Amino acid sequence: MRFTGAVHSGRTYDNHFVSVIAIQDRRVTHWRDYLNPVAVFQALGWLVEPR
């Protein structure tokens, strides 16, 4: 997903995320979002060493 201007720097960045949801008896019992914060750090201009 490409976000434009979503961070203060105005730079575009790519980020992938997933939401994991558990449902029991038609009710949400657990919800967790996972994303890659490094994409945001790089868009802000923070130094992030590649792995």
C-alpha atoms as a PDB file:
ATOM      1  CA  MET A   1       0.000   0.000   0.000  1.00  0.00           C
ATOM      2  CA  ARG A   2       1.434   3.394  -0.927  1.00  0.00           C
ATOM      3  CA  PHE A   3       0.736   6.282   1.383  1.00  0.00           C
ATOM      4  CA  THR A   4       1.332   9.839   0.222  1.00  0.00           C
ATOM      5  CA  GLY A   5       2.075  12.605   2.665  1.00  0.00           C
ATOM      6  CA  ALA A   6       0.942  10.529   5.605  1.00  0.00           C
ATOM      7  CA  VAL A   7       4.036  11.459   7.568  1.00  0.00           C
ATOM      8  CA  HIS A   8       5.305  14.939   8.379  1.00  0.00           C
ATOM      9  CA  SER A   9       8.066  14.758   5.745  1.00  0.00           C
ATOM     10  CA  GLY A  10       5.494  14.483   2.931  1.00  0.00           C
ATOM     11  CA  ARG A  11       7.474  11.621   1.368  1.00  0.00           C
ATOM     12  CA  THR A  12       5.611   8.639  -0.018  1.00  0.00           C
ATOM     13  CA  TYR A  13       6.271   5.243   1.479  1.00  0.00           C
ATOM     14  CA  ASP A  14       5.256   1.609   1.048  1.00  0.00           C
ATOM     15  CA  ASN A  15       4.006  -0.315   4.024  1.00  0.00           C
ATOM     16  CA  HIS A  16       2.456  -3.742   4.334  1.00  0.00           C
ATOM     17  CA  PHE A  17       0.179  -4.658   7.169  1.00  0.00           C
ATOM     18  CA  VAL A  18      -2.175  -7.371   8.293  1.00  0.00           C
ATOM     19  CA  SER A  19      -4.923  -7.535  10.900  1.00  0.00           C
ATOM     20  CA  VAL A  20      -5.451 -10.788  12.781  1.00  0.00           C
ATOM     21  CA  ILE A  21      -8.922 -11.155  14.257  1.00  0.00           C
ATOM     22  CA  ALA A  22     -10.350 -13.941  16.409  1.00  0.00           C
ATOM     23  CA  ILE A  23     -14.119 -14.328  16.514  1.00  0.00           C
ATOM     24  CA  GLN A  24     -16.079 -16.487  18.940  1.00  0.00           C
ATOM     25  CA  ASP A  25     -19.868 -16.643  19.123  1.00  0.00           C
ATOM     26  CA  ARG A  26     -20.093 -13.847  16.518  1.00  0.00           C
ATOM     27  CA  ARG A  27     -18.026 -11.501  18.698  1.00  0.00           C
ATOM     28  CA  VAL A  28     -14.508 -10.228  18.196  1.00  0.00           C
ATOM     29  CA  THR A  29     -12.434 -11.699  21.016  1.00  0.00           C
ATOM     30  CA  HIS A  30      -8.983 -10.599  19.831  1.00  0.00           C
ATOM     31  CA  TRP A  31      -7.717  -8.053  17.321  1.00  0.00           C
ATOM     32  CA  ARG A  32      -4.080  -7.359  16.524  1.00  0.00           C
ATOM     33  CA  ASP A  33      -2.547  -5.260  13.748  1.00  0.00           C
ATOM     34  CA  TYR A  34       0.944  -5.922  12.428  1.00  0.00           C
ATOM     35  CA  LEU A  35       2.889  -3.507  10.233  1.00  0.00           C
ATOM     36  CA  ASN A  36       6.419  -2.644   9.203  1.00  0.00           C
ATOM     37  CA  PRO A  37       7.476   0.466  11.154  1.00  0.00           C
ATOM     38  CA  VAL A  38      10.794   0.657   9.257  1.00  0.00           C
ATOM     39  CA  ALA A  39       8.950   2.039   6.203  1.00  0.00           C
ATOM     40  CA  VAL A  40       7.703   4.944   8.310  1.00  0.00           C
ATOM     41  CA  PHE A  41      11.151   5.494   9.845  1.00  0.00           C
ATOM     42  CA  GLN A  42      12.706   5.691   6.377  1.00  0.00           C
ATOM     43  CA  ALA A  43      10.022   8.122   5.177  1.00  0.00           C
ATOM     44  CA  LEU A  44      10.814  10.339   8.162  1.00  0.00           C
ATOM     45  CA  GLY A  45      14.472  10.272   7.217  1.00  0.00           C
ATOM     46  CA  TRP A  46      15.579   8.284  10.262  1.00  0.00           C
ATOM     47  CA  LEU A  47      18.651   6.183   9.665  1.00  0.00           C
ATOM     48  CA  VAL A  48      17.735   2.514   9.562  1.00  0.00           C
ATOM     49  CA  GLU A  49      20.422  -0.023   8.825  1.00  0.00           C
ATOM     50  CA  PRO A  50      19.377  -2.715   6.324  1.00  0.00           C
ATOM     51  CA  ARG A  51      19.332  -6.290   7.566  1.00  0.00           C
END
